[in-house]
């Protein structure tokens, strides 16, 4: 919610006394069009005042085999239940450390003769790769880090018989997802090696014909983390059937893991909304959005000089109330801090003054806090009864902080600011007339 405060008044000609019967109003004009609480990105509420594992072959095959990876187990990797504030920003899963994806069941694959382009080849002549495809387990949250690791052990078909042919060949594969990948990530193409280079049985397997071998495949994900924005909902990636993970043999799919039927998903994270806050200028019947400024008589020096104003406000001169009202509605809401910020385009005096245009930069507006509400404190370096510091429109300065409780209730901070007009140098006698300048007040709720 943003309100532009437009200060107007009239500087009298030389020699003309103040007319106490005629007043010029310093209008604190509310821009109603902006008075709506909105969400800036995901971390701040702003009110402103101006994954079936399937053995699939790339070529058509009637020998395709399939089994499912465990989607229920996948949900556990998001971590335990917890509560966060929307203002905490990006939500990371798990909350601490990294997750291990033990969701790929152990799989033993037997290559039938004459079903692939490589089954009659010798194992030592075929290169294997691990591929992370376009598919993801989750659509939301998105992968931030993680790697897939697979180990494949080759054995003879007769390894588990009464008269086993012993020996094993082995290879390990890793694909990292830590860097963005548009289509797929591939591990280095690798050949199987004897598990023990000095064992002849292992060497025999590494040199054996693929159709004579069984392959034990085990895979997992390690060091995984994910992130989402507070406004997003956790969901599985069901957009397409692209395999999440595949093992290739000479570029042809050896085995791949595709998406199963997904169970209902429950996000372990509950996001609490911040309080709903707004600004107002006091109670009905008071000067709502209006500060009587009156006619102003210039100073003949010395400078800088605080100019007296013909004000109808009270003994303290022109002022405006700035009340912050925040509501914590229910258990899905929480307290926070409402920050009041001031900004203006033309600043001077170490950002303590707003320059009034068209008067040779001689006139300045200062805003002084003289009433501070409960559970409210001024932002450093501001102090009570001294001019506050402004920021430029692109970077408003914090003026005060209002702490809102967590219990469902309505919380109010009643504040008041005096408005001072200063003359910092002499003016040409012929310079007089109406003046106008603008300040913006922004309320940020975290």
Protein backbone atom coordinates (compact mmCIF):
# COMPACT_ATOMS: atom_id res chain seq x y z
CA UNK A 1 0.00 0.00 0.00
CA UNK A 2 1.55 3.25 -1.07
CA UNK A 3 0.38 6.75 -0.24
CA UNK A 4 1.84 9.89 -1.74
CA UNK A 5 1.75 12.79 0.67
CA UNK A 6 1.51 16.05 -1.25
CA UNK A 7 2.52 19.11 0.73
CA UNK A 8 1.13 22.38 -0.58
CA UNK A 9 1.22 25.86 0.76
CA UNK A 10 1.88 29.49 -0.09
CA UNK A 11 4.93 31.63 0.56
CA UNK A 12 3.84 35.21 1.11
CA UNK A 13 5.39 38.19 -0.68
CA UNK A 14 7.77 40.41 1.24
CA UNK A 15 5.92 42.62 3.66
CA UNK A 16 2.58 40.85 3.50
CA UNK A 17 1.39 39.60 6.89
CA UNK A 18 -0.17 36.20 7.45
CA UNK A 19 -3.90 36.09 6.83
CA UNK A 20 -5.21 34.11 9.74
CA UNK A 21 -8.60 33.83 8.14
CA UNK A 22 -7.31 32.09 5.01
CA UNK A 23 -5.49 28.78 5.20
CA UNK A 24 -3.69 26.72 2.58
CA UNK A 25 -3.85 23.01 3.17
CA UNK A 26 -0.90 20.60 3.16
CA UNK A 27 -2.74 17.64 1.63
CA UNK A 28 -1.71 14.14 2.64
CA UNK A 29 -3.53 12.58 -0.30
CA UNK A 30 -4.30 8.86 -0.11
CA UNK A 31 -3.85 7.09 -3.42
CA UNK A 32 -6.76 4.70 -2.97
CA UNK A 33 -5.83 2.79 -6.12
CA UNK A 34 -2.75 1.48 -4.36
CA UNK A 35 -4.36 0.68 -1.04
CA UNK A 36 -4.40 -3.11 -1.41
CA UNK A 37 -2.23 -5.61 0.39
CA UNK A 38 -0.23 -7.56 -2.15
CA UNK A 39 2.56 -10.15 -2.13
CA UNK A 40 5.89 -8.96 -3.44
CA UNK A 41 7.51 -12.11 -4.87
CA UNK A 42 7.20 -14.65 -2.05
CA UNK A 43 8.88 -13.38 1.07
CA UNK A 44 7.20 -10.07 1.87
CA UNK A 45 3.66 -8.87 2.21
CA UNK A 46 3.71 -5.27 1.18
CA UNK A 47 1.32 -2.56 1.95
CA UNK A 48 2.46 0.68 0.38
CA UNK A 49 1.34 4.24 1.27
CA UNK A 50 2.51 7.03 -2.91
CA UNK A 51 9.51 -40.40 -10.92
CA UNK A 52 7.81 -48.35 -12.19
CA UNK A 53 11.22 -49.19 -13.11
CA UNK A 54 10.95 -50.50 -16.70
CA UNK A 55 13.43 -52.38 -18.82
CA UNK A 56 12.89 -50.51 -22.04
CA UNK A 57 14.93 -50.61 -25.20
CA UNK A 58 15.35 -47.71 -27.53
CA UNK A 59 14.55 -50.03 -30.42
CA UNK A 60 11.21 -51.90 -30.32
CA UNK A 61 11.34 -55.03 -28.17
CA UNK A 62 8.79 -57.61 -27.06
CA UNK A 63 11.03 -58.55 -24.12
CA UNK A 64 10.57 -55.33 -22.14
CA UNK A 65 10.41 -55.89 -18.36
CA UNK A 66 9.02 -53.51 -15.75
CA UNK A 67 8.77 -52.83 -12.02
CA UNK A 68 7.91 -49.75 -9.97
CA UNK A 69 10.12 -47.49 -7.94
CA UNK A 70 8.71 -46.61 -4.52
CA UNK A 71 6.88 -43.29 -4.67
CA UNK A 72 5.70 -43.58 -1.04
CA UNK A 73 9.29 -43.80 0.14
CA UNK A 74 10.09 -40.73 -1.94
CA UNK A 75 7.75 -38.55 0.12
CA UNK A 76 9.80 -39.26 3.25
CA UNK A 77 12.86 -37.55 1.80
CA UNK A 78 11.19 -34.15 2.14
CA UNK A 79 11.81 -34.33 5.88
CA UNK A 80 9.69 -34.19 9.06
CA UNK A 81 6.74 -31.88 9.63
CA UNK A 82 7.61 -28.27 10.41
CA UNK A 83 6.14 -24.79 10.42
CA UNK A 84 7.68 -21.80 8.64
CA UNK A 85 6.71 -18.18 8.12
CA UNK A 86 5.96 -16.95 4.63
CA UNK A 87 8.43 -14.15 5.22
CA UNK A 88 11.22 -16.74 5.69
CA UNK A 89 11.27 -16.93 1.91
CA UNK A 90 12.38 -19.92 -0.12
CA UNK A 91 11.57 -23.28 1.52
CA UNK A 92 14.33 -25.91 1.37
CA UNK A 93 13.83 -29.68 1.60
CA UNK A 94 15.01 -31.27 3.73
CA UNK A 95 15.30 -28.49 6.31
CA UNK A 96 18.89 -29.47 7.10
CA UNK A 97 21.45 -31.63 5.37
CA UNK A 98 20.84 -33.67 2.25
CA UNK A 99 18.50 -36.53 1.38
CA UNK A 100 19.21 -40.04 0.07
CA UNK A 101 16.79 -41.45 -2.48
CA UNK A 102 16.58 -45.19 -1.74
CA UNK A 103 13.63 -45.57 -4.07
CA UNK A 104 15.06 -47.76 -6.84
CA UNK A 105 14.56 -51.49 -6.05
CA UNK A 106 17.41 -53.90 -6.66
CA UNK A 107 17.00 -55.36 -10.14
CA UNK A 108 18.47 -58.44 -11.86
CA UNK A 109 18.42 -58.26 -15.63
CA UNK A 110 18.97 -61.12 -18.07
CA UNK A 111 19.60 -60.33 -21.70
CA UNK A 112 17.77 -62.70 -24.03
CA UNK A 113 19.67 -63.73 -27.13
CA UNK A 114 18.98 -61.79 -30.30
CA UNK A 115 16.78 -59.17 -28.68
CA UNK A 116 19.16 -56.24 -28.78
CA UNK A 117 21.86 -54.85 -30.98
CA UNK A 118 24.50 -55.73 -28.40
CA UNK A 119 23.50 -59.11 -26.88
CA UNK A 120 25.96 -61.10 -29.07
CA UNK A 121 28.79 -58.70 -28.28
CA UNK A 122 31.39 -59.35 -25.63
CA UNK A 123 31.10 -57.31 -22.46
CA UNK A 124 34.55 -55.83 -22.91
CA UNK A 125 33.41 -54.31 -26.22
CA UNK A 126 30.29 -52.50 -24.97
CA UNK A 127 30.34 -49.12 -23.27
CA UNK A 128 27.73 -48.34 -20.62
CA UNK A 129 26.45 -44.96 -19.45
CA UNK A 130 24.06 -43.58 -16.86
CA UNK A 131 21.61 -40.95 -18.10
CA UNK A 132 19.49 -38.59 -16.04
CA UNK A 133 16.62 -37.71 -18.34
CA UNK A 134 14.16 -34.86 -18.50
CA UNK A 135 11.79 -36.38 -15.98
CA UNK A 136 11.89 -35.34 -12.32
CA UNK A 137 10.43 -36.95 -9.22
CA UNK A 138 8.90 -33.67 -8.12
CA UNK A 139 7.61 -30.85 -10.23
CA UNK A 140 7.62 -28.78 -7.05
CA UNK A 141 9.95 -28.47 -5.22
CA UNK A 142 12.71 -28.18 -7.79
CA UNK A 143 16.07 -29.97 -7.59
CA UNK A 144 18.85 -27.81 -6.21
CA UNK A 145 21.48 -30.49 -5.70
CA UNK A 146 21.84 -34.24 -6.03
CA UNK A 147 23.49 -37.09 -7.87
CA UNK A 148 22.35 -40.46 -9.13
CA UNK A 149 24.69 -43.39 -8.47
CA UNK A 150 24.41 -46.87 -9.98
CA UNK A 151 26.48 -50.02 -9.56
CA UNK A 152 26.11 -52.88 -12.05
CA UNK A 153 27.61 -56.32 -11.37
CA UNK A 154 27.80 -58.82 -14.23
CA UNK A 155 27.70 -62.55 -13.47
CA UNK A 156 27.23 -65.77 -15.42
CA UNK A 157 23.70 -67.12 -15.86
CA UNK A 158 24.98 -70.15 -13.93
CA UNK A 159 26.41 -68.21 -10.97
CA UNK A 160 23.55 -69.33 -8.69
CA UNK A 161 23.39 -73.01 -9.80
CA UNK A 162 24.78 -76.13 -8.09
CA UNK A 163 27.80 -75.90 -10.35
CA UNK A 164 28.27 -72.14 -10.57
CA UNK A 165 30.47 -70.37 -13.01
CA UNK A 166 32.05 -67.86 -10.71
CA UNK A 167 33.48 -64.46 -11.34
CA UNK A 168 32.10 -60.91 -11.47
CA UNK A 169 32.69 -57.80 -13.49
CA UNK A 170 31.62 -54.43 -12.12
CA UNK A 171 31.22 -50.77 -12.96
CA UNK A 172 30.05 -47.67 -11.09
CA UNK A 173 28.28 -44.69 -12.68
CA UNK A 174 27.44 -41.21 -11.39
CA UNK A 175 25.45 -38.32 -12.84
CA UNK A 176 25.31 -35.01 -10.96
CA UNK A 177 22.29 -32.71 -11.13
CA UNK A 178 23.94 -29.81 -9.31
CA UNK A 179 24.09 -27.84 -12.53
CA UNK A 180 21.04 -27.10 -14.67
CA UNK A 181 20.52 -29.47 -17.57
CA UNK A 182 18.10 -28.70 -20.38
CA UNK A 183 17.53 -32.23 -21.69
CA UNK A 184 19.72 -34.88 -20.09
CA UNK A 185 22.96 -35.52 -18.25
CA UNK A 186 25.19 -38.40 -19.22
CA UNK A 187 27.95 -40.07 -17.27
CA UNK A 188 31.20 -40.92 -18.92
CA UNK A 189 30.91 -44.04 -21.14
CA UNK A 190 32.66 -46.85 -19.29
CA UNK A 191 33.59 -50.50 -19.89
CA UNK A 192 33.04 -53.21 -17.30
CA UNK A 193 36.12 -54.23 -15.34
CA UNK A 194 36.97 -57.45 -13.45
CA UNK A 195 35.95 -56.91 -9.84
CA UNK A 196 39.35 -58.28 -8.88
CA UNK A 197 41.86 -57.64 -11.65
CA UNK A 198 44.02 -60.53 -10.38
CA UNK A 199 41.18 -63.07 -10.44
CA UNK A 200 40.89 -65.10 -13.65
CA UNK A 201 37.19 -65.87 -13.09
CA UNK A 202 36.47 -62.15 -12.92
CA UNK A 203 38.48 -61.57 -16.07
CA UNK A 204 36.50 -64.27 -17.86
CA UNK A 205 33.21 -62.54 -16.99
CA UNK A 206 34.52 -59.18 -18.16
CA UNK A 207 35.30 -60.81 -21.50
CA UNK A 208 32.09 -62.90 -21.70
CA UNK A 209 29.24 -62.66 -24.17
CA UNK A 210 26.47 -60.39 -22.91
CA UNK A 211 23.68 -62.91 -23.64
CA UNK A 212 25.43 -65.36 -21.27
CA UNK A 213 25.34 -62.91 -18.37
CA UNK A 214 23.00 -61.62 -15.67
CA UNK A 215 23.27 -58.04 -14.47
CA UNK A 216 22.52 -56.99 -10.90
CA UNK A 217 21.60 -53.29 -10.90
CA UNK A 218 21.38 -51.10 -7.82
CA UNK A 219 20.83 -47.32 -7.95
CA UNK A 220 20.11 -44.51 -5.54
CA UNK A 221 20.12 -40.75 -5.31
CA UNK A 222 22.52 -39.02 -2.94
CA UNK A 223 22.96 -35.50 -1.59
CA UNK A 224 19.57 -34.35 -2.84
CA UNK A 225 17.92 -31.08 -1.89
CA UNK A 226 14.96 -29.19 -3.31
CA UNK A 227 13.44 -25.72 -3.02
CA UNK A 228 10.08 -24.08 -3.58
CA UNK A 229 8.51 -20.70 -3.08
CA UNK A 230 6.00 -20.26 -0.24
CA UNK A 231 3.09 -19.84 -2.67
CA UNK A 232 3.80 -23.09 -4.53
CA UNK A 233 2.31 -26.51 -3.76
CA UNK A 234 4.34 -29.74 -3.58
CA UNK A 235 3.46 -32.06 -6.46
CA UNK A 236 4.93 -35.00 -8.37
CA UNK A 237 6.13 -34.37 -11.90
CA UNK A 238 3.47 -36.04 -14.02
CA UNK A 239 3.80 -33.85 -17.10
CA UNK A 240 5.35 -36.52 -19.32
CA UNK A 241 6.57 -40.13 -19.26
CA UNK A 242 10.23 -39.36 -19.77
CA UNK A 243 12.43 -41.73 -17.75
CA UNK A 244 14.04 -40.23 -14.71
CA UNK A 245 17.03 -42.52 -14.95
CA UNK A 246 18.35 -44.82 -17.69
CA UNK A 247 21.34 -47.07 -18.23
CA UNK A 248 22.53 -47.24 -21.81
CA UNK A 249 24.55 -49.93 -23.57
CA UNK A 250 26.26 -48.53 -26.64
CA UNK A 251 23.58 -45.82 -26.67
CA UNK A 252 20.64 -48.25 -26.50
CA UNK A 253 18.47 -48.34 -23.40
CA UNK A 254 19.57 -51.20 -21.16
CA UNK A 255 17.15 -50.36 -18.36
CA UNK A 256 15.25 -47.26 -17.33
CA UNK A 257 13.14 -46.00 -14.45
CA UNK A 258 9.97 -44.18 -15.40
CA UNK A 259 7.09 -42.70 -13.43
CA UNK A 260 4.75 -44.90 -11.36
CA UNK A 261 1.18 -44.25 -10.28
CA UNK A 262 1.54 -41.49 -7.76
CA UNK A 263 0.07 -41.65 -4.23
CA UNK A 264 -1.56 -38.64 -2.54
CA UNK A 265 1.10 -36.17 -1.55
CA UNK A 266 1.34 -34.35 1.77
CA UNK A 267 3.67 -31.45 2.22
CA UNK A 268 5.46 -31.70 5.59
CA UNK A 269 5.81 -27.91 5.65
CA UNK A 270 3.03 -25.63 6.89
CA UNK A 271 3.43 -22.01 5.78
CA UNK A 272 2.04 -19.36 8.12
CA UNK A 273 0.83 -16.14 6.56
CA UNK A 274 1.99 -12.80 7.97
CA UNK A 275 -0.48 -10.45 9.60
CA UNK A 276 -2.67 -8.35 7.34
CA UNK A 277 -1.68 -4.75 7.93
CA UNK A 278 -2.80 -1.35 6.76
CA UNK A 279 -2.20 2.35 7.37
CA UNK A 280 -4.65 5.06 8.30
CA UNK A 281 -4.62 8.65 9.36
CA UNK A 282 -6.62 8.43 12.54
CA UNK A 283 -10.28 8.38 13.46
CA UNK A 284 -13.24 9.80 11.55
CA UNK A 285 -13.88 13.40 12.47
CA UNK A 286 -10.19 14.20 12.71
CA UNK A 287 -8.21 15.75 9.89
CA UNK A 288 -8.26 12.58 7.79
CA UNK A 289 -5.47 12.96 5.25
CA UNK A 290 -5.33 16.74 5.77
CA UNK A 291 -2.76 18.82 7.60
CA UNK A 292 -3.53 22.55 7.87
CA UNK A 293 -0.34 24.38 6.83
CA UNK A 294 -1.47 27.91 6.39
CA UNK A 295 0.30 30.86 4.84
CA UNK A 296 4.02 31.05 5.49
CA UNK A 297 6.07 34.18 6.13
CA UNK A 298 9.64 34.03 4.90
CA UNK A 299 12.65 34.58 7.16
CA UNK A 300 15.17 37.36 6.79
CA UNK A 301 17.85 35.25 8.50
CA UNK A 302 19.97 33.88 10.01
CA UNK A 303 19.63 30.57 8.19
CA UNK A 304 18.60 27.82 8.40
CA UNK A 305 15.39 29.08 9.94
CA UNK A 306 12.29 27.17 11.00
CA UNK A 307 9.38 29.05 9.49
CA UNK A 308 6.25 29.57 11.54
CA UNK A 309 3.11 28.36 9.84
CA UNK A 310 -0.42 29.54 10.21
CA UNK A 311 -1.51 26.07 11.36
CA UNK A 312 -4.87 25.04 12.72
CA UNK A 313 -3.57 21.60 13.79
CA UNK A 314 -2.51 22.22 17.37
CA UNK A 315 0.21 23.86 19.41
CA UNK A 316 2.84 21.60 17.83
CA UNK A 317 2.14 22.88 14.34
CA UNK A 318 1.11 20.84 11.32
CA UNK A 319 1.22 17.09 11.84
CA UNK A 320 -0.16 13.85 10.47
CA UNK A 321 -1.11 10.67 12.39
CA UNK A 322 0.25 7.41 10.98
CA UNK A 323 -1.55 4.47 12.56
CA UNK A 324 -0.64 0.87 11.69
CA UNK A 325 -3.37 -1.75 12.17
CA UNK A 326 -2.47 -5.45 11.83
CA UNK A 327 -4.70 -8.50 12.15
CA UNK A 328 -3.62 -12.06 12.95
CA UNK A 329 -6.72 -13.98 11.93
CA UNK A 330 -6.26 -17.68 12.75
CA UNK A 331 -3.81 -20.52 13.39
CA UNK A 332 -2.55 -20.31 9.79
CA UNK A 333 -1.45 -16.76 10.48
CA UNK A 334 1.35 -15.49 12.64
CA UNK A 335 2.82 -12.28 13.89
CA UNK A 336 5.71 -10.39 12.41
CA UNK A 337 7.20 -6.95 12.07
CA UNK A 338 5.56 -4.12 10.15
CA UNK A 339 8.16 -1.66 8.89
CA UNK A 340 7.23 1.92 8.03
CA UNK A 341 9.46 3.44 5.34
CA UNK A 342 9.74 6.99 3.99
CA UNK A 343 11.08 8.09 0.61
CA UNK A 344 11.15 11.18 -1.57
CA UNK A 345 12.71 12.21 -4.87
CA UNK A 346 14.52 15.42 -3.93
CA UNK A 347 16.45 15.09 -0.67
CA UNK A 348 18.95 17.26 1.17
CA UNK A 349 20.56 17.73 4.57
CA UNK A 350 21.86 14.17 4.85
CA UNK A 351 18.45 12.88 3.69
CA UNK A 352 16.64 14.61 6.53
CA UNK A 353 14.89 17.14 4.29
CA UNK A 354 12.67 17.13 1.21
CA UNK A 355 13.56 19.97 -1.14
CA UNK A 356 10.62 22.10 -2.20
CA UNK A 357 10.97 22.69 -5.97
CA UNK A 358 10.94 26.08 -7.73
CA UNK A 359 12.11 28.16 -4.78
CA UNK A 360 15.86 28.17 -5.53
CA UNK A 361 16.18 25.08 -3.25
CA UNK A 362 15.72 27.41 -0.30
CA UNK A 363 12.68 25.68 1.22
CA UNK A 364 12.87 22.28 2.91
CA UNK A 365 10.29 19.97 4.52
CA UNK A 366 11.28 17.96 7.59
CA UNK A 367 9.20 15.25 9.28
CA UNK A 368 9.60 14.77 13.03
CA UNK A 369 8.18 11.85 15.09
CA UNK A 370 6.71 13.03 18.36
CA UNK A 371 4.32 10.18 19.30
CA UNK A 372 5.38 6.52 19.01
CA UNK A 373 2.89 3.69 19.56
CA UNK A 374 3.16 0.63 21.76
CA UNK A 375 5.41 -2.25 20.69
CA UNK A 376 6.91 0.22 18.23
CA UNK A 377 10.43 1.57 17.99
CA UNK A 378 12.16 3.99 15.69
CA UNK A 379 14.67 2.58 13.23
CA UNK A 380 18.23 3.74 13.86
CA UNK A 381 19.49 6.41 13.52
CA UNK A 382 16.10 8.09 13.96
CA UNK A 383 15.20 9.43 17.39
CA UNK A 384 12.06 10.98 18.76
CA UNK A 385 11.57 14.72 18.26
CA UNK A 386 14.31 14.87 15.62
CA UNK A 387 13.87 14.85 11.82
CA UNK A 388 13.73 11.36 10.35
CA UNK A 389 15.88 10.21 7.45
CA UNK A 390 14.32 9.53 4.06
CA UNK A 391 15.50 7.24 1.26
CA UNK A 392 15.16 7.58 -2.51
CA UNK A 393 12.05 6.04 -4.11
CA UNK A 394 14.11 3.04 -5.25
CA UNK A 395 15.35 2.36 -1.71
CA UNK A 396 13.02 3.72 0.98
CA UNK A 397 14.49 4.23 4.44
CA UNK A 398 13.16 2.38 7.48
CA UNK A 399 11.55 4.80 9.93
CA UNK A 400 9.94 2.61 12.57
CA UNK A 401 9.22 -1.04 13.40
CA UNK A 402 5.93 -2.33 14.84
CA UNK A 403 6.12 -5.82 16.41
CA UNK A 404 2.91 -7.82 15.94
CA UNK A 405 2.08 -10.72 18.29
CA UNK A 406 1.42 -14.30 17.18
CA UNK A 407 -1.95 -14.69 18.94
CA UNK A 408 -5.02 -14.12 16.74
CA UNK A 409 -6.00 -10.53 17.44
CA UNK A 410 -5.97 -7.00 16.05
CA UNK A 411 -2.89 -4.95 16.91
CA UNK A 412 -2.62 -1.17 16.56
CA UNK A 413 0.36 1.19 16.65
CA UNK A 414 -0.64 4.87 16.91
CA UNK A 415 2.07 7.26 15.75
CA UNK A 416 2.26 10.95 14.94
CA UNK A 417 4.69 13.03 12.92
CA UNK A 418 5.08 16.80 12.89
CA UNK A 419 5.78 18.60 9.62
CA UNK A 420 8.29 21.47 9.61
CA UNK A 421 9.07 24.00 6.89
CA UNK A 422 12.62 25.38 6.85
CA UNK A 423 14.29 28.15 4.89
CA UNK A 424 18.01 27.54 4.35
CA UNK A 425 19.04 30.71 2.48
CA UNK A 426 17.80 34.10 1.43
CA UNK A 427 15.19 34.36 -1.30
CA UNK A 428 14.78 36.98 -3.97
CA UNK A 429 12.11 39.42 -2.80
CA UNK A 430 10.09 38.69 -5.92
CA UNK A 431 9.92 34.97 -5.20
CA UNK A 432 6.66 33.96 -3.61
CA UNK A 433 3.56 31.88 -4.30
CA UNK A 434 2.17 28.41 -3.82
CA UNK A 435 4.52 25.46 -3.37
CA UNK A 436 4.12 21.67 -3.54
CA UNK A 437 6.30 18.66 -2.75
CA UNK A 438 5.70 14.92 -2.31
CA UNK A 439 6.79 12.15 0.05
CA UNK A 440 5.94 8.41 -0.11
CA UNK A 441 5.20 6.14 2.84
CA UNK A 442 5.62 2.36 2.44
CA UNK A 443 4.52 -0.37 4.85
CA UNK A 444 6.43 -3.67 4.59
CA UNK A 445 5.23 -6.65 6.64
CA UNK A 446 7.58 -9.54 7.32
